[in-house]
């Protein structure tokens, strides 16, 4: 009798285990079957829609940039100004206008110059017009916050550098971030050394675009360090050369490499953050 009851209980347990196993199989099938496929399709569909939206935005911005570049060569400058004013009305920030319109336009012009599609005269005319438009925009909408005198930066183009539009954008970005900015258009390299000897700059930023200037950078960096009033000065390099040949600037001895105005500000803010190591080389990704 005892053995018969034990056998019956074993059979009942086996039946329960079998039913539980079937229920688990059903749940697993539900998760990995049609319901799981629907979730995957929805996820992939959402990703694809997001990708299409980003591509559409990129296409519209590209078209706007090309239109602006074409207008820079037009005899009537008012249409260029109208585009700038419309974009500022939309975003309310001169730096965003530079990021969304001026900087992409400068890259298009630079690429056209490198491809021999534009001559020097046309490039000069376009960049000069763009610089005037940016100066007008920043003059009409000046920074409202006062500068912090403990955060000082000297910005200048490398001696012999002919393109300074990007430097103007970086200068405005520093001012809007409450930095005390000296932006010099030095006729001679010696004038730069006199300025750094007379002022305790926390950062010295040099804009470089031409490969031909690279050979002189090492000696220039050495002189800037030796003659600077601030013995822990940080040297930052910017300009189109940085995107083409960052290693060249690193080899010359620069501490920081900034690819645009926003990265220049981010790196500069890191410099004045407590605990920053002045001997640390940082490159903007």
Protein backbone atom coordinates (compact mmCIF):
# COMPACT_ATOMS: atom_id res chain seq x y z
CA UNK A 1 0.00 0.00 0.00
CA UNK A 2 2.79 2.39 0.91
CA UNK A 3 4.60 1.68 -2.31
CA UNK A 4 1.39 2.19 -4.30
CA UNK A 5 0.82 5.65 -2.71
CA UNK A 6 4.44 6.62 -3.33
CA UNK A 7 4.12 5.57 -6.95
CA UNK A 8 0.94 7.62 -7.31
CA UNK A 9 2.63 10.72 -5.86
CA UNK A 10 5.57 10.24 -8.22
CA UNK A 11 3.20 10.04 -11.18
CA UNK A 12 1.40 13.23 -10.02
CA UNK A 13 4.72 15.09 -9.65
CA UNK A 14 5.81 13.95 -13.09
CA UNK A 15 2.53 15.20 -14.52
CA UNK A 16 2.97 18.60 -12.80
CA UNK A 17 6.55 18.89 -14.06
CA UNK A 18 5.42 18.06 -17.57
CA UNK A 19 2.68 20.70 -17.46
CA UNK A 20 5.08 23.32 -16.05
CA UNK A 21 7.57 22.50 -18.78
CA UNK A 22 4.91 22.95 -21.46
CA UNK A 23 3.92 26.32 -19.92
CA UNK A 24 7.55 27.47 -20.00
CA UNK A 25 7.85 26.36 -23.61
CA UNK A 26 4.73 28.35 -24.47
CA UNK A 27 6.09 31.47 -22.74
CA UNK A 28 9.45 31.09 -24.47
CA UNK A 29 7.69 30.70 -27.80
CA UNK A 30 5.64 33.83 -27.13
CA UNK A 31 8.76 35.85 -26.30
CA UNK A 32 10.85 34.60 -29.18
CA UNK A 33 8.02 34.08 -31.63
CA UNK A 34 5.60 36.54 -33.27
CA UNK A 35 5.58 39.02 -30.37
CA UNK A 36 9.38 39.23 -30.32
CA UNK A 37 9.46 39.66 -34.10
CA UNK A 38 6.97 42.53 -33.88
CA UNK A 39 9.10 44.26 -31.22
CA UNK A 40 12.20 43.84 -33.37
CA UNK A 41 10.42 45.21 -36.42
CA UNK A 42 9.16 48.21 -34.46
CA UNK A 43 12.66 48.89 -33.13
CA UNK A 44 14.24 48.61 -36.58
CA UNK A 45 11.47 50.74 -38.06
CA UNK A 46 12.10 53.46 -35.47
CA UNK A 47 15.84 53.41 -36.17
CA UNK A 48 15.24 53.61 -39.91
CA UNK A 49 12.84 56.55 -39.53
CA UNK A 50 15.35 58.37 -37.32
CA UNK A 51 18.07 57.73 -39.87
CA UNK A 52 15.89 59.11 -42.67
CA UNK A 53 15.09 62.22 -40.60
CA UNK A 54 18.78 62.87 -39.94
CA UNK A 55 19.61 62.40 -43.62
CA UNK A 56 16.84 64.83 -44.56
CA UNK A 57 18.11 67.45 -42.09
CA UNK A 58 21.68 67.00 -43.36
CA UNK A 59 20.48 67.36 -46.95
CA UNK A 60 18.55 70.56 -46.16
CA UNK A 61 21.55 72.05 -44.34
CA UNK A 62 23.85 71.12 -47.20
CA UNK A 63 21.50 72.81 -49.69
CA UNK A 64 21.34 75.92 -47.50
CA UNK A 65 25.14 76.05 -47.27
CA UNK A 66 25.59 75.75 -51.03
CA UNK A 67 22.99 78.45 -51.62
CA UNK A 68 24.79 80.76 -49.19
CA UNK A 69 28.15 80.11 -50.85
CA UNK A 70 26.66 80.93 -54.25
CA UNK A 71 25.25 84.19 -52.87
CA UNK A 72 28.66 85.15 -51.49
CA UNK A 73 29.81 85.57 -55.08
CA UNK A 74 26.72 87.57 -56.06
CA UNK A 75 27.16 91.30 -56.60
CA UNK A 76 24.18 92.03 -54.36
CA UNK A 77 25.24 91.25 -50.79
CA UNK A 78 21.78 91.86 -49.35
CA UNK A 79 20.58 88.32 -50.02
CA UNK A 80 23.49 86.91 -48.01
CA UNK A 81 22.60 89.22 -45.15
CA UNK A 82 18.97 88.15 -45.35
CA UNK A 83 19.96 84.49 -44.94
CA UNK A 84 22.12 85.33 -41.93
CA UNK A 85 19.36 87.39 -40.31
CA UNK A 86 16.77 84.67 -40.91
CA UNK A 87 18.93 82.01 -39.30
CA UNK A 88 19.70 84.27 -36.33
CA UNK A 89 15.97 84.92 -35.88
CA UNK A 90 15.52 81.15 -35.71
CA UNK A 91 18.33 80.32 -33.25
CA UNK A 92 19.07 83.64 -31.47
CA UNK A 93 22.82 82.99 -31.11
CA UNK A 94 25.64 84.28 -33.35
CA UNK A 95 27.71 81.22 -32.49
CA UNK A 96 24.96 78.90 -33.71
CA UNK A 97 24.76 80.92 -36.94
CA UNK A 98 28.51 80.43 -37.34
CA UNK A 99 28.23 76.71 -36.61
CA UNK A 100 25.29 76.10 -38.95
CA UNK A 101 26.11 78.49 -41.81
CA UNK A 102 29.46 80.28 -41.76
CA UNK A 103 31.71 77.35 -40.85
CA UNK A 104 30.17 74.88 -43.36
CA UNK A 105 30.38 77.59 -46.03
CA UNK A 106 34.06 78.18 -45.22
CA UNK A 107 34.72 74.44 -45.57
CA UNK A 108 33.00 74.34 -48.97
CA UNK A 109 35.06 77.32 -50.15
CA UNK A 110 38.24 75.74 -48.79
CA UNK A 111 37.52 72.44 -50.54
CA UNK A 112 36.82 74.28 -53.80
CA UNK A 113 40.11 76.14 -53.45
CA UNK A 114 42.03 72.89 -52.87
CA UNK A 115 40.32 71.36 -55.92
CA UNK A 116 41.32 74.38 -58.06
CA UNK A 117 37.65 75.23 -58.62
CA UNK A 118 38.10 78.74 -57.21
CA UNK A 119 40.97 81.15 -57.68
CA UNK A 120 42.57 83.25 -54.96
CA UNK A 121 40.60 86.39 -55.83
CA UNK A 122 37.21 84.66 -55.54
CA UNK A 123 38.16 82.98 -52.28
CA UNK A 124 39.33 86.30 -50.85
CA UNK A 125 36.13 88.07 -51.92
CA UNK A 126 33.89 85.37 -50.43
CA UNK A 127 35.76 85.11 -47.13
CA UNK A 128 35.94 88.90 -46.75
CA UNK A 129 32.21 89.21 -47.30
CA UNK A 130 31.52 86.43 -44.82
CA UNK A 131 33.77 88.07 -42.25
CA UNK A 132 31.93 91.39 -42.63
CA UNK A 133 28.59 89.64 -42.19
CA UNK A 134 29.79 87.92 -39.03
CA UNK A 135 31.24 91.13 -37.61
CA UNK A 136 27.94 92.91 -38.24
CA UNK A 137 26.02 90.12 -36.52
CA UNK A 138 28.26 90.09 -33.43
CA UNK A 139 28.32 93.90 -33.23
CA UNK A 140 24.53 94.00 -33.23
CA UNK A 141 24.29 91.23 -30.61
CA UNK A 142 27.15 91.70 -28.18
CA UNK A 143 27.75 89.48 -25.12
CA UNK A 144 25.85 90.72 -22.08
CA UNK A 145 27.96 89.13 -19.31
CA UNK A 146 31.13 90.85 -18.09
CA UNK A 147 34.50 89.20 -18.67
CA UNK A 148 36.23 87.29 -15.89
CA UNK A 149 39.65 88.93 -15.60
CA UNK A 150 41.18 85.74 -14.17
CA UNK A 151 40.50 83.92 -17.45
CA UNK A 152 42.70 85.50 -20.10
CA UNK A 153 43.53 84.31 -23.60
CA UNK A 154 45.59 85.66 -26.47
CA UNK A 155 44.36 84.68 -29.93
CA UNK A 156 46.35 85.34 -33.08
CA UNK A 157 47.01 83.93 -36.51
CA UNK A 158 50.38 82.37 -37.20
CA UNK A 159 52.78 84.81 -38.90
CA UNK A 160 52.13 84.68 -42.64
CA UNK A 161 48.60 83.33 -42.20
CA UNK A 162 46.17 84.98 -44.62
CA UNK A 163 42.84 83.46 -43.53
CA UNK A 164 41.52 84.80 -40.22
CA UNK A 165 37.75 84.28 -40.42
CA UNK A 166 37.84 81.23 -38.13
CA UNK A 167 39.82 83.23 -35.59
CA UNK A 168 37.02 85.82 -35.50
CA UNK A 169 34.49 83.11 -34.66
CA UNK A 170 36.70 81.71 -31.90
CA UNK A 171 37.27 85.19 -30.47
CA UNK A 172 33.51 85.78 -30.24
CA UNK A 173 33.00 82.37 -28.63
CA UNK A 174 35.54 83.17 -25.90
CA UNK A 175 33.95 86.56 -25.22
CA UNK A 176 30.52 84.98 -24.87
CA UNK A 177 32.03 82.50 -22.41
CA UNK A 178 33.25 85.43 -20.25
CA UNK A 179 36.94 85.17 -21.11
CA UNK A 180 39.17 88.23 -21.22
CA UNK A 181 40.31 88.15 -24.85
CA UNK A 182 43.17 89.86 -26.66
CA UNK A 183 42.94 89.11 -30.36
CA UNK A 184 45.97 90.48 -32.18
CA UNK A 185 46.65 90.99 -35.86
CA UNK A 186 50.41 91.20 -35.42
CA UNK A 187 52.48 92.42 -38.34
CA UNK A 188 55.64 90.81 -37.01
CA UNK A 189 56.28 87.64 -35.02
CA UNK A 190 58.34 89.66 -32.53
CA UNK A 191 55.21 91.64 -31.61
CA UNK A 192 53.56 88.42 -30.42
CA UNK A 193 56.48 87.69 -28.09
CA UNK A 194 56.34 91.21 -26.67
CA UNK A 195 52.65 90.75 -25.91
CA UNK A 196 53.08 87.41 -24.12
CA UNK A 197 55.98 88.84 -22.11
CA UNK A 198 53.88 91.78 -20.95
CA UNK A 199 50.67 89.88 -20.12
CA UNK A 200 50.05 86.80 -17.99
CA UNK A 201 47.84 84.87 -20.41
CA UNK A 202 46.44 81.54 -19.25
CA UNK A 203 46.10 80.34 -22.84
CA UNK A 204 47.71 81.37 -26.11
CA UNK A 205 45.78 80.27 -29.19
CA UNK A 206 47.39 80.18 -32.64
CA UNK A 207 45.36 79.75 -35.83
CA UNK A 208 47.11 77.87 -38.65
CA UNK A 209 45.77 76.77 -42.02
CA UNK A 210 48.75 76.56 -44.37
CA UNK A 211 51.08 73.55 -44.47
CA UNK A 212 53.94 75.87 -45.41
CA UNK A 213 53.76 77.41 -41.91
CA UNK A 214 54.26 74.07 -40.18
CA UNK A 215 58.05 74.10 -40.40
CA UNK A 216 58.25 77.31 -38.33
CA UNK A 217 55.89 76.20 -35.57
CA UNK A 218 58.38 74.30 -33.40
CA UNK A 219 60.65 77.31 -32.93
CA UNK A 220 57.63 79.57 -32.41
CA UNK A 221 56.22 77.31 -29.68
CA UNK A 222 59.59 77.23 -27.95
CA UNK A 223 59.85 81.03 -27.98
CA UNK A 224 56.29 81.48 -26.73
CA UNK A 225 57.01 79.27 -23.72
CA UNK A 226 60.36 80.86 -22.91
CA UNK A 227 59.14 84.45 -23.22
CA UNK A 228 55.71 84.10 -21.68
CA UNK A 229 55.13 85.96 -18.44
CA UNK A 230 52.99 83.03 -17.25
CA UNK A 231 55.43 80.12 -16.90
CA UNK A 232 52.56 77.59 -16.95
CA UNK A 233 50.91 79.00 -20.07
CA UNK A 234 48.93 76.53 -22.18
CA UNK A 235 49.34 76.64 -25.97
CA UNK A 236 46.38 75.84 -28.19
CA UNK A 237 46.46 75.31 -31.96
CA UNK A 238 43.44 75.74 -34.22
CA UNK A 239 42.61 76.26 -37.86
CA UNK A 240 42.08 73.98 -40.83
CA UNK A 241 45.59 72.55 -40.56
CA UNK A 242 44.55 70.77 -37.36
CA UNK A 243 42.00 68.61 -39.16
CA UNK A 244 44.42 67.80 -41.98
CA UNK A 245 47.61 67.28 -39.98
CA UNK A 246 47.02 67.16 -36.21
CA UNK A 247 50.24 65.23 -35.62
CA UNK A 248 52.24 68.10 -37.08
CA UNK A 249 50.86 70.49 -34.44
CA UNK A 250 51.45 67.95 -31.68
CA UNK A 251 55.03 67.45 -32.82
CA UNK A 252 55.53 71.22 -32.78
CA UNK A 253 54.75 71.21 -29.05
CA UNK A 254 51.17 72.49 -28.72
CA UNK A 255 49.25 71.32 -25.64
CA UNK A 256 45.72 71.50 -27.05
CA UNK A 257 44.23 71.04 -30.51
CA UNK A 258 40.85 72.64 -31.23
CA UNK A 259 38.95 71.71 -34.36
CA UNK A 260 36.34 74.47 -33.99
CA UNK A 261 35.11 77.21 -31.66
CA UNK A 262 33.06 74.92 -29.42
CA UNK A 263 35.96 72.52 -28.86
CA UNK A 264 38.27 75.47 -28.14
CA UNK A 265 35.92 76.66 -25.39
CA UNK A 266 35.53 73.17 -23.93
CA UNK A 267 39.29 72.69 -23.77
CA UNK A 268 39.87 76.16 -22.33
CA UNK A 269 37.30 75.56 -19.60
CA UNK A 270 39.13 72.35 -18.71
CA UNK A 271 42.36 74.33 -18.34
CA UNK A 272 40.87 76.62 -15.68
CA UNK A 273 39.21 73.73 -13.85
CA UNK A 274 41.02 72.91 -10.57
CA UNK A 275 43.27 69.90 -10.94
CA UNK A 276 44.14 70.44 -14.59
CA UNK A 277 47.62 69.12 -15.37
CA UNK A 278 49.51 71.63 -17.47
CA UNK A 279 51.83 68.98 -18.85
CA UNK A 280 48.94 66.91 -20.17
CA UNK A 281 48.43 66.88 -23.94
CA UNK A 282 44.76 66.99 -24.88
CA UNK A 283 43.42 66.81 -28.42
CA UNK A 284 39.79 67.57 -29.29
CA UNK A 285 38.15 64.50 -30.82
